[in-house]
Amino acid sequence: MRVVAVAGAGKSTALLEFARLHPNLRVLYVVFNCSVQRDQTLKYHREGLDRVHVTTIDALAYHGTMDLH
């Protein structure tokens, strides 16, 4: 599933509910900055949803091109 919407549209809430309703799926949650990444990682951990991997778009790009660095 891919969710693209304006700020305040409920993307984070939708993803949280999706993760709760689909306990057999791993989820990649891509955010734009480190502070949001830290906050969301803690939120999902507190909810017991450690299978939701929260990362920044920069980290995702970096790890995907590590062999070029």
PDB file of N, CA and C in Angstrom:
ATOM      1  N   MET A   1       0.845  -1.156   0.000  1.00  0.00           N
ATOM      2  CA  MET A   1       0.000   0.000   0.000  1.00  0.00           C
ATOM      3  C   MET A   1       0.897   1.227   0.000  1.00  0.00           C
ATOM      4  N   ARG A   2       0.540   2.217  -0.734  1.00  0.00           N
ATOM      5  CA  ARG A   2       1.265   3.485  -0.762  1.00  0.00           C
ATOM      6  C   ARG A   2       0.269   4.583  -0.441  1.00  0.00           C
ATOM      7  N   VAL A   3       0.632   5.442   0.520  1.00  0.00           N
ATOM      8  CA  VAL A   3      -0.251   6.537   0.925  1.00  0.00           C
ATOM      9  C   VAL A   3       0.480   7.848   0.689  1.00  0.00           C
ATOM     10  N   VAL A   4      -0.119   8.718  -0.099  1.00  0.00           N
ATOM     11  CA  VAL A   4       0.425  10.043  -0.357  1.00  0.00           C
ATOM     12  C   VAL A   4      -0.710  11.024  -0.130  1.00  0.00           C
ATOM     13  N   ALA A   5      -0.502  11.979   0.777  1.00  0.00           N
ATOM     14  CA  ALA A   5      -1.548  12.955   1.077  1.00  0.00           C
ATOM     15  C   ALA A   5      -0.916  14.169   1.743  1.00  0.00           C
ATOM     16  N   VAL A   6      -1.698  15.215   1.868  1.00  0.00           N
ATOM     17  CA  VAL A   6      -1.217  16.451   2.492  1.00  0.00           C
ATOM     18  C   VAL A   6      -1.073  16.266   3.999  1.00  0.00           C
ATOM     19  N   ALA A   7      -0.331  17.176   4.617  1.00  0.00           N
ATOM     20  CA  ALA A   7      -0.145  17.150   6.069  1.00  0.00           C
ATOM     21  C   ALA A   7      -1.498  17.227   6.769  1.00  0.00           C
ATOM     22  N   GLY A   8      -1.655  16.418   7.797  1.00  0.00           N
ATOM     23  CA  GLY A   8      -2.887  16.445   8.584  1.00  0.00           C
ATOM     24  C   GLY A   8      -4.023  15.610   8.019  1.00  0.00           C
ATOM     25  N   ALA A   9      -3.746  14.865   6.947  1.00  0.00           N
ATOM     26  CA  ALA A   9      -4.806  14.077   6.308  1.00  0.00           C
ATOM     27  C   ALA A   9      -5.077  12.740   7.004  1.00  0.00           C
ATOM     28  N   GLY A  10      -4.190  12.343   7.931  1.00  0.00           N
ATOM     29  CA  GLY A  10      -4.400  11.091   8.661  1.00  0.00           C
ATOM     30  C   GLY A  10      -3.572   9.920   8.166  1.00  0.00           C
ATOM     31  N   LYS A  11      -2.474  10.197   7.492  1.00  0.00           N
ATOM     32  CA  LYS A  11      -1.619   9.132   6.971  1.00  0.00           C
ATOM     33  C   LYS A  11      -1.073   8.248   8.094  1.00  0.00           C
ATOM     34  N   SER A  12      -0.572   8.867   9.144  1.00  0.00           N
ATOM     35  CA  SER A  12       0.007   8.097  10.255  1.00  0.00           C
ATOM     36  C   SER A  12      -1.044   7.250  10.947  1.00  0.00           C
ATOM     37  N   THR A  13      -2.213   7.800  11.140  1.00  0.00           N
ATOM     38  CA  THR A  13      -3.306   7.058  11.769  1.00  0.00           C
ATOM     39  C   THR A  13      -3.742   5.897  10.887  1.00  0.00           C
ATOM     40  N   ALA A  14      -3.824   6.127   9.591  1.00  0.00           N
ATOM     41  CA  ALA A  14      -4.205   5.060   8.662  1.00  0.00           C
ATOM     42  C   ALA A  14      -3.182   3.927   8.687  1.00  0.00           C
ATOM     43  N   LEU A  15      -1.902   4.273   8.716  1.00  0.00           N
ATOM     44  CA  LEU A  15      -0.863   3.248   8.750  1.00  0.00           C
ATOM     45  C   LEU A  15      -0.896   2.461  10.057  1.00  0.00           C
ATOM     46  N   LEU A  16      -1.126   3.142  11.164  1.00  0.00           N
ATOM     47  CA  LEU A  16      -1.224   2.472  12.456  1.00  0.00           C
ATOM     48  C   LEU A  16      -2.365   1.462  12.445  1.00  0.00           C
ATOM     49  N   GLU A  17      -3.513   1.855  11.948  1.00  0.00           N
ATOM     50  CA  GLU A  17      -4.662   0.946  11.878  1.00  0.00           C
ATOM     51  C   GLU A  17      -4.393  -0.203  10.906  1.00  0.00           C
ATOM     52  N   PHE A  18      -3.759   0.091   9.793  1.00  0.00           N
ATOM     53  CA  PHE A  18      -3.401  -0.954   8.831  1.00  0.00           C
ATOM     54  C   PHE A  18      -2.495  -1.987   9.493  1.00  0.00           C
ATOM     55  N   ALA A  19      -1.478  -1.519  10.216  1.00  0.00           N
ATOM     56  CA  ALA A  19      -0.545  -2.433  10.890  1.00  0.00           C
ATOM     57  C   ALA A  19      -1.257  -3.271  11.950  1.00  0.00           C
ATOM     58  N   ARG A  20      -2.188  -2.678  12.670  1.00  0.00           N
ATOM     59  CA  ARG A  20      -2.950  -3.430  13.675  1.00  0.00           C
ATOM     60  C   ARG A  20      -3.815  -4.506  13.021  1.00  0.00           C
ATOM     61  N   LEU A  21      -4.417  -4.185  11.890  1.00  0.00           N
ATOM     62  CA  LEU A  21      -5.345  -5.100  11.223  1.00  0.00           C
ATOM     63  C   LEU A  21      -4.652  -6.199  10.422  1.00  0.00           C
ATOM     64  N   HIS A  22      -3.369  -6.030  10.150  1.00  0.00           N
ATOM     65  CA  HIS A  22      -2.613  -7.002   9.353  1.00  0.00           C
ATOM     66  C   HIS A  22      -1.354  -7.440  10.103  1.00  0.00           C
ATOM     67  N   PRO A  23      -1.521  -8.230  11.156  1.00  0.00           N
ATOM     68  CA  PRO A  23      -0.378  -8.602  11.998  1.00  0.00           C
ATOM     69  C   PRO A  23       0.648  -9.496  11.316  1.00  0.00           C
ATOM     70  N   ASN A  24       0.303 -10.052  10.167  1.00  0.00           N
ATOM     71  CA  ASN A  24       1.240 -10.936   9.467  1.00  0.00           C
ATOM     72  C   ASN A  24       2.132 -10.191   8.472  1.00  0.00           C
ATOM     73  N   LEU A  25       1.918  -8.897   8.296  1.00  0.00           N
ATOM     74  CA  LEU A  25       2.690  -8.130   7.329  1.00  0.00           C
ATOM     75  C   LEU A  25       3.775  -7.286   7.980  1.00  0.00           C
ATOM     76  N   ARG A  26       4.914  -7.194   7.296  1.00  0.00           N
ATOM     77  CA  ARG A  26       5.942  -6.232   7.690  1.00  0.00           C
ATOM     78  C   ARG A  26       5.641  -4.933   6.954  1.00  0.00           C
ATOM     79  N   VAL A  27       5.932  -3.815   7.598  1.00  0.00           N
ATOM     80  CA  VAL A  27       5.578  -2.513   7.037  1.00  0.00           C
ATOM     81  C   VAL A  27       6.813  -1.623   7.011  1.00  0.00           C
ATOM     82  N   LEU A  28       7.020  -0.946   5.897  1.00  0.00           N
ATOM     83  CA  LEU A  28       8.070   0.055   5.765  1.00  0.00           C
ATOM     84  C   LEU A  28       7.393   1.416   5.753  1.00  0.00           C
ATOM     85  N   TYR A  29       7.745   2.264   6.709  1.00  0.00           N
ATOM     86  CA  TYR A  29       7.167   3.586   6.866  1.00  0.00           C
ATOM     87  C   TYR A  29       8.281   4.597   6.588  1.00  0.00           C
ATOM     88  N   VAL A  30       8.198   5.307   5.482  1.00  0.00           N
ATOM     89  CA  VAL A  30       9.237   6.251   5.076  1.00  0.00           C
ATOM     90  C   VAL A  30       8.799   7.666   5.440  1.00  0.00           C
ATOM     91  N   VAL A  31       9.649   8.354   6.220  1.00  0.00           N
ATOM     92  CA  VAL A  31       9.365   9.719   6.663  1.00  0.00           C
ATOM     93  C   VAL A  31      10.461  10.651   6.161  1.00  0.00           C
ATOM     94  N   PHE A  32      10.253  11.956   6.355  1.00  0.00           N
ATOM     95  CA  PHE A  32      11.173  12.926   5.768  1.00  0.00           C
ATOM     96  C   PHE A  32      12.289  13.402   6.694  1.00  0.00           C
ATOM     97  N   ASN A  33      12.140  13.241   8.008  1.00  0.00           N
ATOM     98  CA  ASN A  33      13.225  13.723   8.868  1.00  0.00           C
ATOM     99  C   ASN A  33      13.407  12.831  10.091  1.00  0.00           C
ATOM    100  N   CYS A  34      14.555  12.996  10.741  1.00  0.00           N
ATOM    101  CA  CYS A  34      14.952  12.134  11.853  1.00  0.00           C
ATOM    102  C   CYS A  34      14.065  12.279  13.078  1.00  0.00           C
ATOM    103  N   SER A  35      13.580  13.482  13.353  1.00  0.00           N
ATOM    104  CA  SER A  35      12.737  13.657  14.543  1.00  0.00           C
ATOM    105  C   SER A  35      11.421  12.900  14.389  1.00  0.00           C
ATOM    106  N   VAL A  36      10.850  12.921  13.209  1.00  0.00           N
ATOM    107  CA  VAL A  36       9.625  12.155  12.957  1.00  0.00           C
ATOM    108  C   VAL A  36       9.933  10.665  13.018  1.00  0.00           C
ATOM    109  N   GLN A  37      11.070  10.273  12.499  1.00  0.00           N
ATOM    110  CA  GLN A  37      11.462   8.864  12.531  1.00  0.00           C
ATOM    111  C   GLN A  37      11.577   8.363  13.969  1.00  0.00           C
ATOM    112  N   ARG A  38      12.223   9.140  14.830  1.00  0.00           N
ATOM    113  CA  ARG A  38      12.356   8.751  16.235  1.00  0.00           C
ATOM    114  C   ARG A  38      10.994   8.675  16.908  1.00  0.00           C
ATOM    115  N   ASP A  39      10.160   9.685  16.713  1.00  0.00           N
ATOM    116  CA  ASP A  39       8.829   9.715  17.335  1.00  0.00           C
ATOM    117  C   ASP A  39       7.968   8.532  16.888  1.00  0.00           C
ATOM    118  N   GLN A  40       7.955   8.275  15.593  1.00  0.00           N
ATOM    119  CA  GLN A  40       7.115   7.195  15.068  1.00  0.00           C
ATOM    120  C   GLN A  40       7.647   5.821  15.465  1.00  0.00           C
ATOM    121  N   THR A  41       8.971   5.662  15.510  1.00  0.00           N
ATOM    122  CA  THR A  41       9.546   4.395  15.953  1.00  0.00           C
ATOM    123  C   THR A  41       9.119   4.095  17.388  1.00  0.00           C
ATOM    124  N   LEU A  42       9.197   5.088  18.263  1.00  0.00           N
ATOM    125  CA  LEU A  42       8.754   4.898  19.645  1.00  0.00           C
ATOM    126  C   LEU A  42       7.268   4.601  19.723  1.00  0.00           C
ATOM    127  N   LYS A  43       6.482   5.288  18.939  1.00  0.00           N
ATOM    128  CA  LYS A  43       5.028   5.087  18.927  1.00  0.00           C
ATOM    129  C   LYS A  43       4.686   3.645  18.543  1.00  0.00           C
ATOM    130  N   TYR A  44       5.278   3.153  17.478  1.00  0.00           N
ATOM    131  CA  TYR A  44       4.995   1.786  17.035  1.00  0.00           C
ATOM    132  C   TYR A  44       5.546   0.753  18.012  1.00  0.00           C
ATOM    133  N   HIS A  45       6.672   1.040  18.620  1.00  0.00           N
ATOM    134  CA  HIS A  45       7.225   0.135  19.634  1.00  0.00           C
ATOM    135  C   HIS A  45       6.280   0.043  20.828  1.00  0.00           C
ATOM    136  N   ARG A  46       5.782   1.187  21.301  1.00  0.00           N
ATOM    137  CA  ARG A  46       4.836   1.186  22.425  1.00  0.00           C
ATOM    138  C   ARG A  46       3.559   0.422  22.099  1.00  0.00           C
ATOM    139  N   GLU A  47       3.171   0.432  20.846  1.00  0.00           N
ATOM    140  CA  GLU A  47       1.969  -0.284  20.408  1.00  0.00           C
ATOM    141  C   GLU A  47       2.238  -1.778  20.188  1.00  0.00           C
ATOM    142  N   GLY A  48       3.504  -2.191  20.344  1.00  0.00           N
ATOM    143  CA  GLY A  48       3.854  -3.587  20.121  1.00  0.00           C
ATOM    144  C   GLY A  48       3.948  -3.943  18.645  1.00  0.00           C
ATOM    145  N   LEU A  49       4.161  -2.941  17.822  1.00  0.00           N
ATOM    146  CA  LEU A  49       4.227  -3.133  16.372  1.00  0.00           C
ATOM    147  C   LEU A  49       5.661  -2.955  15.877  1.00  0.00           C
ATOM    148  N   ASP A  50       6.554  -3.762  16.404  1.00  0.00           N
ATOM    149  CA  ASP A  50       7.970  -3.650  16.047  1.00  0.00           C
ATOM    150  C   ASP A  50       8.253  -4.109  14.621  1.00  0.00           C
ATOM    151  N   ARG A  51       7.281  -4.708  13.961  1.00  0.00           N
ATOM    152  CA  ARG A  51       7.454  -5.120  12.569  1.00  0.00           C
ATOM    153  C   ARG A  51       7.261  -3.965  11.605  1.00  0.00           C
ATOM    154  N   VAL A  52       6.894  -2.788  12.142  1.00  0.00           N
ATOM    155  CA  VAL A  52       6.829  -1.574  11.329  1.00  0.00           C
ATOM    156  C   VAL A  52       8.202  -0.917  11.395  1.00  0.00           C
ATOM    157  N   HIS A  53       8.883  -0.868  10.271  1.00  0.00           N
ATOM    158  CA  HIS A  53      10.220  -0.280  10.203  1.00  0.00           C
ATOM    159  C   HIS A  53      10.084   1.165   9.715  1.00  0.00           C
ATOM    160  N   VAL A  54      10.461   2.102  10.573  1.00  0.00           N
ATOM    161  CA  VAL A  54      10.374   3.522  10.233  1.00  0.00           C
ATOM    162  C   VAL A  54      11.770   4.004   9.858  1.00  0.00           C
ATOM    163  N   THR A  55      11.882   4.621   8.699  1.00  0.00           N
ATOM    164  CA  THR A  55      13.167   5.122   8.234  1.00  0.00           C
ATOM    165  C   THR A  55      12.965   6.431   7.488  1.00  0.00           C
ATOM    166  N   THR A  56      14.039   7.187   7.367  1.00  0.00           N
ATOM    167  CA  THR A  56      13.957   8.409   6.567  1.00  0.00           C
ATOM    168  C   THR A  56      14.206   8.062   5.108  1.00  0.00           C
ATOM    169  N   ILE A  57      13.760   8.917   4.244  1.00  0.00           N
ATOM    170  CA  ILE A  57      13.974   8.703   2.818  1.00  0.00           C
ATOM    171  C   ILE A  57      15.472   8.747   2.491  1.00  0.00           C
ATOM    172  N   ASP A  58      16.228   9.586   3.205  1.00  0.00           N
ATOM    173  CA  ASP A  58      17.675   9.650   2.992  1.00  0.00           C
ATOM    174  C   ASP A  58      18.356   8.340   3.392  1.00  0.00           C
ATOM    175  N   ALA A  59      17.969   7.780   4.544  1.00  0.00           N
ATOM    176  CA  ALA A  59      18.562   6.520   4.999  1.00  0.00           C
ATOM    177  C   ALA A  59      18.223   5.388   4.040  1.00  0.00           C
ATOM    178  N   LEU A  60      17.009   5.386   3.536  1.00  0.00           N
ATOM    179  CA  LEU A  60      16.596   4.364   2.584  1.00  0.00           C
ATOM    180  C   LEU A  60      17.455   4.439   1.317  1.00  0.00           C
ATOM    181  N   ALA A  61      17.657   5.646   0.815  1.00  0.00           N
ATOM    182  CA  ALA A  61      18.483   5.831  -0.380  1.00  0.00           C
ATOM    183  C   ALA A  61      19.936   5.456  -0.100  1.00  0.00           C
ATOM    184  N   TYR A  62      20.450   5.835   1.067  1.00  0.00           N
ATOM    185  CA  TYR A  62      21.839   5.545   1.407  1.00  0.00           C
ATOM    186  C   TYR A  62      22.073   4.040   1.469  1.00  0.00           C
ATOM    187  N   HIS A  63      21.198   3.329   2.186  1.00  0.00           N
ATOM    188  CA  HIS A  63      21.390   1.887   2.323  1.00  0.00           C
ATOM    189  C   HIS A  63      21.187   1.164   0.990  1.00  0.00           C
ATOM    190  N   GLY A  64      20.359   1.711   0.131  1.00  0.00           N
ATOM    191  CA  GLY A  64      20.152   1.100  -1.171  1.00  0.00           C
ATOM    192  C   GLY A  64      21.305   1.305  -2.138  1.00  0.00           C
ATOM    193  N   THR A  65      22.195   2.241  -1.801  1.00  0.00           N
ATOM    194  CA  THR A  65      23.336   2.514  -2.686  1.00  0.00           C
ATOM    195  C   THR A  65      24.666   2.383  -1.950  1.00  0.00           C
ATOM    196  N   MET A  66      24.683   1.650  -0.856  1.00  0.00           N
ATOM    197  CA  MET A  66      25.896   1.543  -0.035  1.00  0.00           C
ATOM    198  C   MET A  66      27.110   1.050  -0.806  1.00  0.00           C
ATOM    199  N   ASP A  67      26.893   0.160  -1.748  1.00  0.00           N
ATOM    200  CA  ASP A  67      28.038  -0.365  -2.489  1.00  0.00           C
ATOM    201  C   ASP A  67      28.681   0.692  -3.387  1.00  0.00           C
ATOM    202  N   LEU A  68      28.029   1.822  -3.581  1.00  0.00           N
ATOM    203  CA  LEU A  68      28.579   2.906  -4.383  1.00  0.00           C
ATOM    204  C   LEU A  68      29.370   3.920  -3.565  1.00  0.00           C
ATOM    205  N   HIS A  69      29.302   3.805  -2.251  1.00  0.00           N
ATOM    206  CA  HIS A  69      29.972   4.778  -1.368  1.00  0.00           C
ATOM    207  C   HIS A  69      31.357   4.328  -0.979  1.00  0.00           C
TER     208      HIS A  69
END
